[in-house]
Amino acid sequence: MIRTIRSAAVVGVLALAGGSAAAMAQADPDLPRAPSAGSPASAWPGPTLCESGENVLWSCSIKGGKTISVCASRRISATEGYIQYRMGKPGKLELAYPASRVHPRGRFEYRLYIQGNTSLSFRNGGYEYSLVDDLRSAEDEVLVDKDGKLVSRIVCNSGGTGFEIVRPDLLGISESPYGN
């Protein structure tokens, strides 16, 4: 996460100087050349809806004893693997997006904001879901919009944990290696 934030600052400076994220990606020898996503579910410190053979990208507890998790296949690349949003209780999901375990390209959008916050968003059934990881607060949340209007704000009881996504550009969910 520290490298991502530091690298994002460098991209911001390059953008101000007229450089590009693509040029930065080619010039940075420390930049990972392959995407990765998450930590093994068995090592995750809190509740999750991810299965034992999956990685957890983000997870938080919400009211009603429910959990929201973003799960991924152990192996993920530019052409294989999946990311899936899940909400509900173990054994009783209320929502899984996408419904099948398919590659995230064109289904999710990852962003890293200048202040260090991150978000992962997707559209489903006329609604836009934005999972927001607030770097400076324990109040992570899921915002649900319909037709550009906020219809629901779901606050995590204990805060989520930062999205663990390396090289989201190679997964097709971001325009740059850093999520902007």
C-alpha atoms as a PDB file:
ATOM      1  CA  MET A   1       0.000   0.000   0.000  1.00  0.00           C
ATOM      2  CA  ILE A   2       2.837   2.412   0.840  1.00  0.00           C
ATOM      3  CA  ARG A   3       4.473   1.810  -2.565  1.00  0.00           C
ATOM      4  CA  THR A   4       1.123   2.353  -4.276  1.00  0.00           C
ATOM      5  CA  ILE A   5       0.555   5.657  -2.491  1.00  0.00           C
ATOM      6  CA  ARG A   6       4.142   6.833  -3.090  1.00  0.00           C
ATOM      7  CA  SER A   7       3.963   5.769  -6.742  1.00  0.00           C
ATOM      8  CA  ALA A   8       0.590   7.496  -7.110  1.00  0.00           C
ATOM      9  CA  ALA A   9       2.188  10.708  -5.883  1.00  0.00           C
ATOM     10  CA  VAL A  10       4.920  10.306  -8.513  1.00  0.00           C
ATOM     11  CA  VAL A  11       2.254   9.826 -11.195  1.00  0.00           C
ATOM     12  CA  GLY A  12       0.549  13.006  -9.961  1.00  0.00           C
ATOM     13  CA  VAL A  13       3.834  14.921 -10.220  1.00  0.00           C
ATOM     14  CA  LEU A  14       4.449  13.475 -13.693  1.00  0.00           C
ATOM     15  CA  ALA A  15       0.960  14.480 -14.773  1.00  0.00           C
ATOM     16  CA  LEU A  16       1.602  18.041 -13.582  1.00  0.00           C
ATOM     17  CA  ALA A  17       4.910  18.001 -15.459  1.00  0.00           C
ATOM     18  CA  GLY A  18       3.244  16.704 -18.624  1.00  0.00           C
ATOM     19  CA  GLY A  19       4.267  13.036 -18.223  1.00  0.00           C
ATOM     20  CA  SER A  20       2.006  10.021 -18.449  1.00  0.00           C
ATOM     21  CA  ALA A  21       1.202   7.059 -16.216  1.00  0.00           C
ATOM     22  CA  ALA A  22       2.165   4.722 -19.072  1.00  0.00           C
ATOM     23  CA  ALA A  23       5.597   6.344 -19.287  1.00  0.00           C
ATOM     24  CA  MET A  24       5.946   6.070 -15.526  1.00  0.00           C
ATOM     25  CA  ALA A  25       4.996   2.385 -15.621  1.00  0.00           C
ATOM     26  CA  GLN A  26       7.707   1.679 -18.195  1.00  0.00           C
ATOM     27  CA  ALA A  27      10.331   3.757 -16.370  1.00  0.00           C
ATOM     28  CA  ASP A  28       9.813   2.289 -12.866  1.00  0.00           C
ATOM     29  CA  PRO A  29      11.955  -0.855 -12.490  1.00  0.00           C
ATOM     30  CA  ASP A  30      10.319  -1.591  -9.104  1.00  0.00           C
ATOM     31  CA  LEU A  31       6.801  -1.625 -10.555  1.00  0.00           C
ATOM     32  CA  PRO A  32       5.349  -5.156 -10.416  1.00  0.00           C
ATOM     33  CA  ARG A  33       4.958  -6.624 -13.892  1.00  0.00           C
ATOM     34  CA  ALA A  34       2.033  -8.907 -12.999  1.00  0.00           C
ATOM     35  CA  PRO A  35      -1.251  -8.262 -11.218  1.00  0.00           C
ATOM     36  CA  SER A  36      -2.155  -9.800  -7.890  1.00  0.00           C
ATOM     37  CA  ALA A  37      -5.192  -9.435  -5.713  1.00  0.00           C
ATOM     38  CA  GLY A  38      -5.834 -10.077  -2.064  1.00  0.00           C
ATOM     39  CA  SER A  39      -4.683 -12.319   0.734  1.00  0.00           C
ATOM     40  CA  PRO A  40      -5.664 -15.943   1.352  1.00  0.00           C
ATOM     41  CA  ALA A  41      -9.054 -16.211   3.065  1.00  0.00           C
ATOM     42  CA  SER A  42      -7.523 -18.518   5.687  1.00  0.00           C
ATOM     43  CA  ALA A  43      -5.199 -15.679   6.767  1.00  0.00           C
ATOM     44  CA  TRP A  44      -7.834 -12.912   6.813  1.00  0.00           C
ATOM     45  CA  PRO A  45      -8.238 -11.400  10.304  1.00  0.00           C
ATOM     46  CA  GLY A  46     -12.009 -10.840  10.281  1.00  0.00           C
ATOM     47  CA  PRO A  47     -15.254 -12.210   8.900  1.00  0.00           C
ATOM     48  CA  THR A  48     -15.402 -12.848   5.166  1.00  0.00           C
ATOM     49  CA  LEU A  49     -17.649 -14.508   2.602  1.00  0.00           C
ATOM     50  CA  CYS A  50     -14.655 -15.746   0.608  1.00  0.00           C
ATOM     51  CA  GLU A  51     -13.998 -19.469   0.382  1.00  0.00           C
ATOM     52  CA  SER A  52     -10.856 -21.168   1.692  1.00  0.00           C
ATOM     53  CA  GLY A  53      -9.338 -21.459  -1.823  1.00  0.00           C
ATOM     54  CA  GLU A  54      -9.879 -17.762  -2.599  1.00  0.00           C
ATOM     55  CA  ASN A  55      -8.189 -14.480  -1.775  1.00  0.00           C
ATOM     56  CA  VAL A  56      -9.894 -11.624   0.087  1.00  0.00           C
ATOM     57  CA  LEU A  57      -9.511  -8.158  -1.446  1.00  0.00           C
ATOM     58  CA  TRP A  58     -11.739  -6.365   1.081  1.00  0.00           C
ATOM     59  CA  SER A  59     -14.277  -7.367   3.693  1.00  0.00           C
ATOM     60  CA  CYS A  60     -16.372  -5.690   6.373  1.00  0.00           C
ATOM     61  CA  SER A  61     -19.196  -6.450   8.790  1.00  0.00           C
ATOM     62  CA  ILE A  62     -22.478  -4.546   8.539  1.00  0.00           C
ATOM     63  CA  LYS A  63     -25.750  -4.364  10.474  1.00  0.00           C
ATOM     64  CA  GLY A  64     -27.829  -7.482  10.856  1.00  0.00           C
ATOM     65  CA  GLY A  65     -24.843  -9.798  11.220  1.00  0.00           C
ATOM     66  CA  LYS A  66     -24.104  -9.530   7.502  1.00  0.00           C
ATOM     67  CA  THR A  67     -20.794  -9.249   5.723  1.00  0.00           C
ATOM     68  CA  ILE A  68     -19.701  -7.623   2.485  1.00  0.00           C
ATOM     69  CA  SER A  69     -16.630  -9.165   0.856  1.00  0.00           C
ATOM     70  CA  VAL A  70     -14.744  -8.809  -2.398  1.00  0.00           C
ATOM     71  CA  CYS A  71     -13.210 -12.173  -3.268  1.00  0.00           C
ATOM     72  CA  ALA A  72     -10.791 -13.230  -5.985  1.00  0.00           C
ATOM     73  CA  SER A  73      -9.339 -16.371  -7.431  1.00  0.00           C
ATOM     74  CA  ARG A  74      -5.925 -17.276  -6.031  1.00  0.00           C
ATOM     75  CA  ARG A  75      -4.397 -16.852  -9.455  1.00  0.00           C
ATOM     76  CA  ILE A  76      -5.326 -13.759 -11.403  1.00  0.00           C
ATOM     77  CA  SER A  77      -3.761 -12.294 -14.523  1.00  0.00           C
ATOM     78  CA  ALA A  78      -4.635 -10.112 -17.485  1.00  0.00           C
ATOM     79  CA  THR A  79      -6.559 -13.024 -19.002  1.00  0.00           C
ATOM     80  CA  GLU A  80      -7.572 -15.414 -16.235  1.00  0.00           C
ATOM     81  CA  GLY A  81      -9.093 -15.378 -12.765  1.00  0.00           C
ATOM     82  CA  TYR A  82     -12.035 -13.543 -11.254  1.00  0.00           C
ATOM     83  CA  ILE A  83     -13.148 -10.932  -8.736  1.00  0.00           C
ATOM     84  CA  GLN A  84     -16.599 -11.166  -7.152  1.00  0.00           C
ATOM     85  CA  TYR A  85     -18.532  -8.883  -4.753  1.00  0.00           C
ATOM     86  CA  ARG A  86     -20.628 -10.757  -2.174  1.00  0.00           C
ATOM     87  CA  MET A  87     -23.104  -9.569   0.448  1.00  0.00           C
ATOM     88  CA  GLY A  88     -25.047 -11.589   3.012  1.00  0.00           C
ATOM     89  CA  LYS A  89     -24.266 -14.291   5.540  1.00  0.00           C
ATOM     90  CA  PRO A  90     -22.167 -17.429   5.125  1.00  0.00           C
ATOM     91  CA  GLY A  91     -24.247 -19.945   3.175  1.00  0.00           C
ATOM     92  CA  LYS A  92     -26.929 -17.320   2.406  1.00  0.00           C
ATOM     93  CA  LEU A  93     -25.749 -14.712  -0.095  1.00  0.00           C
ATOM     94  CA  GLU A  94     -28.147 -11.872  -0.918  1.00  0.00           C
ATOM     95  CA  LEU A  95     -26.041 -10.544  -3.790  1.00  0.00           C
ATOM     96  CA  ALA A  96     -23.084 -11.837  -5.786  1.00  0.00           C
ATOM     97  CA  TYR A  97     -21.700  -9.695  -8.612  1.00  0.00           C
ATOM     98  CA  PRO A  98     -20.998 -10.793 -11.203  1.00  0.00           C
ATOM     99  CA  ALA A  99     -23.281 -13.798 -10.811  1.00  0.00           C
ATOM    100  CA  SER A 100     -20.642 -16.126 -12.267  1.00  0.00           C
ATOM    101  CA  ARG A 101     -16.957 -16.102 -11.504  1.00  0.00           C
ATOM    102  CA  VAL A 102     -15.564 -14.295 -14.529  1.00  0.00           C
ATOM    103  CA  HIS A 103     -12.621 -11.984 -15.222  1.00  0.00           C
ATOM    104  CA  PRO A 104     -13.085  -8.460 -13.781  1.00  0.00           C
ATOM    105  CA  ARG A 105     -12.215  -6.605 -17.020  1.00  0.00           C
ATOM    106  CA  GLY A 106     -15.082  -4.266 -17.907  1.00  0.00           C
ATOM    107  CA  ARG A 107     -17.034  -5.201 -14.766  1.00  0.00           C
ATOM    108  CA  PHE A 108     -15.239  -3.241 -12.016  1.00  0.00           C
ATOM    109  CA  GLU A 109     -13.490   0.110 -11.768  1.00  0.00           C
ATOM    110  CA  TYR A 110     -10.705   0.642  -9.246  1.00  0.00           C
ATOM    111  CA  ARG A 111      -9.575   4.131  -8.214  1.00  0.00           C
ATOM    112  CA  LEU A 112      -6.859   5.509  -5.966  1.00  0.00           C
ATOM    113  CA  TYR A 113      -7.523   9.094  -4.945  1.00  0.00           C
ATOM    114  CA  ILE A 114      -4.848  11.690  -4.278  1.00  0.00           C
ATOM    115  CA  GLN A 115      -5.529  11.661  -0.508  1.00  0.00           C
ATOM    116  CA  GLY A 116      -4.957   7.885  -0.437  1.00  0.00           C
ATOM    117  CA  ASN A 117      -8.563   6.669  -0.383  1.00  0.00           C
ATOM    118  CA  THR A 118      -9.474   3.835  -2.728  1.00  0.00           C
ATOM    119  CA  SER A 119     -12.734   2.668  -4.240  1.00  0.00           C
ATOM    120  CA  LEU A 120     -13.986  -0.263  -6.236  1.00  0.00           C
ATOM    121  CA  SER A 121     -17.229   0.254  -8.126  1.00  0.00           C
ATOM    122  CA  PHE A 122     -19.547  -1.670 -10.414  1.00  0.00           C
ATOM    123  CA  ARG A 123     -22.996  -1.402 -12.011  1.00  0.00           C
ATOM    124  CA  ASN A 124     -25.707  -3.997 -11.490  1.00  0.00           C
ATOM    125  CA  GLY A 125     -29.404  -3.840 -12.369  1.00  0.00           C
ATOM    126  CA  GLY A 126     -29.517  -0.061 -12.798  1.00  0.00           C
ATOM    127  CA  TYR A 127     -27.607   0.573  -9.561  1.00  0.00           C
ATOM    128  CA  GLU A 128     -24.023   1.695  -9.080  1.00  0.00           C
ATOM    129  CA  TYR A 129     -22.196   0.287  -6.074  1.00  0.00           C
ATOM    130  CA  SER A 130     -19.063   2.030  -4.774  1.00  0.00           C
ATOM    131  CA  LEU A 131     -17.033   0.400  -2.030  1.00  0.00           C
ATOM    132  CA  VAL A 132     -14.986   3.139  -0.391  1.00  0.00           C
ATOM    133  CA  ASP A 133     -11.905   2.489   1.723  1.00  0.00           C
ATOM    134  CA  ASP A 134     -11.213   5.702   3.637  1.00  0.00           C
ATOM    135  CA  LEU A 135      -7.532   5.868   4.580  1.00  0.00           C
ATOM    136  CA  ARG A 136      -8.067   8.379   7.399  1.00  0.00           C
ATOM    137  CA  SER A 137     -11.169   6.900   8.977  1.00  0.00           C
ATOM    138  CA  ALA A 138     -12.460   3.572  10.253  1.00  0.00           C
ATOM    139  CA  GLU A 139     -15.743   4.382   8.521  1.00  0.00           C
ATOM    140  CA  ASP A 140     -15.462   2.466   5.285  1.00  0.00           C
ATOM    141  CA  GLU A 141     -18.709   2.246   3.368  1.00  0.00           C
ATOM    142  CA  VAL A 142     -20.651   1.034   0.384  1.00  0.00           C
ATOM    143  CA  LEU A 143     -22.571   3.722  -1.502  1.00  0.00           C
ATOM    144  CA  VAL A 144     -25.449   2.650  -3.739  1.00  0.00           C
ATOM    145  CA  ASP A 145     -26.727   5.095  -6.392  1.00  0.00           C
ATOM    146  CA  LYS A 146     -29.618   4.869  -8.825  1.00  0.00           C
ATOM    147  CA  ASP A 147     -29.869   7.424 -11.622  1.00  0.00           C
ATOM    148  CA  GLY A 148     -27.113   9.480  -9.993  1.00  0.00           C
ATOM    149  CA  LYS A 149     -28.905   9.714  -6.632  1.00  0.00           C
ATOM    150  CA  LEU A 150     -27.707   8.100  -3.428  1.00  0.00           C
ATOM    151  CA  VAL A 151     -30.269   5.474  -2.356  1.00  0.00           C
ATOM    152  CA  SER A 152     -28.242   3.670   0.318  1.00  0.00           C
ATOM    153  CA  ARG A 153     -25.142   4.214   2.439  1.00  0.00           C
ATOM    154  CA  ILE A 154     -23.959   1.056   4.174  1.00  0.00           C
ATOM    155  CA  VAL A 155     -21.343   1.743   6.857  1.00  0.00           C
ATOM    156  CA  CYS A 156     -18.955  -0.980   7.944  1.00  0.00           C
ATOM    157  CA  ASN A 157     -19.221  -1.714  11.672  1.00  0.00           C
ATOM    158  CA  SER A 158     -15.517  -2.066  12.227  1.00  0.00           C
ATOM    159  CA  GLY A 159     -14.190  -0.511   9.068  1.00  0.00           C
ATOM    160  CA  GLY A 160     -12.941  -2.489   6.120  1.00  0.00           C
ATOM    161  CA  THR A 161      -9.368  -3.120   5.173  1.00  0.00           C
ATOM    162  CA  GLY A 162      -7.624  -1.490   2.221  1.00  0.00           C
ATOM    163  CA  PHE A 163      -8.153  -3.032  -1.196  1.00  0.00           C
ATOM    164  CA  GLU A 164      -5.258  -5.337  -1.945  1.00  0.00           C
ATOM    165  CA  ILE A 165      -4.932  -4.964  -5.709  1.00  0.00           C
ATOM    166  CA  VAL A 166      -1.566  -4.726  -7.462  1.00  0.00           C
ATOM    167  CA  ARG A 167      -1.507  -3.521 -11.082  1.00  0.00           C
ATOM    168  CA  PRO A 168      -5.262  -2.987 -11.542  1.00  0.00           C
ATOM    169  CA  ASP A 169      -4.469  -1.697 -15.042  1.00  0.00           C
ATOM    170  CA  LEU A 170      -3.426  -5.206 -16.113  1.00  0.00           C
ATOM    171  CA  LEU A 171      -6.749  -6.542 -14.846  1.00  0.00           C
ATOM    172  CA  GLY A 172      -8.598  -4.007 -16.997  1.00  0.00           C
ATOM    173  CA  ILE A 173     -10.205  -2.265 -14.008  1.00  0.00           C
ATOM    174  CA  SER A 174      -8.103   0.916 -13.990  1.00  0.00           C
ATOM    175  CA  GLU A 175      -6.503   3.237 -16.506  1.00  0.00           C
ATOM    176  CA  SER A 176      -3.150   3.331 -14.720  1.00  0.00           C
ATOM    177  CA  PRO A 177      -1.024   0.983 -12.598  1.00  0.00           C
ATOM    178  CA  TYR A 178      -1.991   3.072  -9.586  1.00  0.00           C
ATOM    179  CA  GLY A 179      -5.747   3.149  -9.988  1.00  0.00           C
ATOM    180  CA  ASN A 180      -6.333   6.681 -11.274  1.00  0.00           C
END
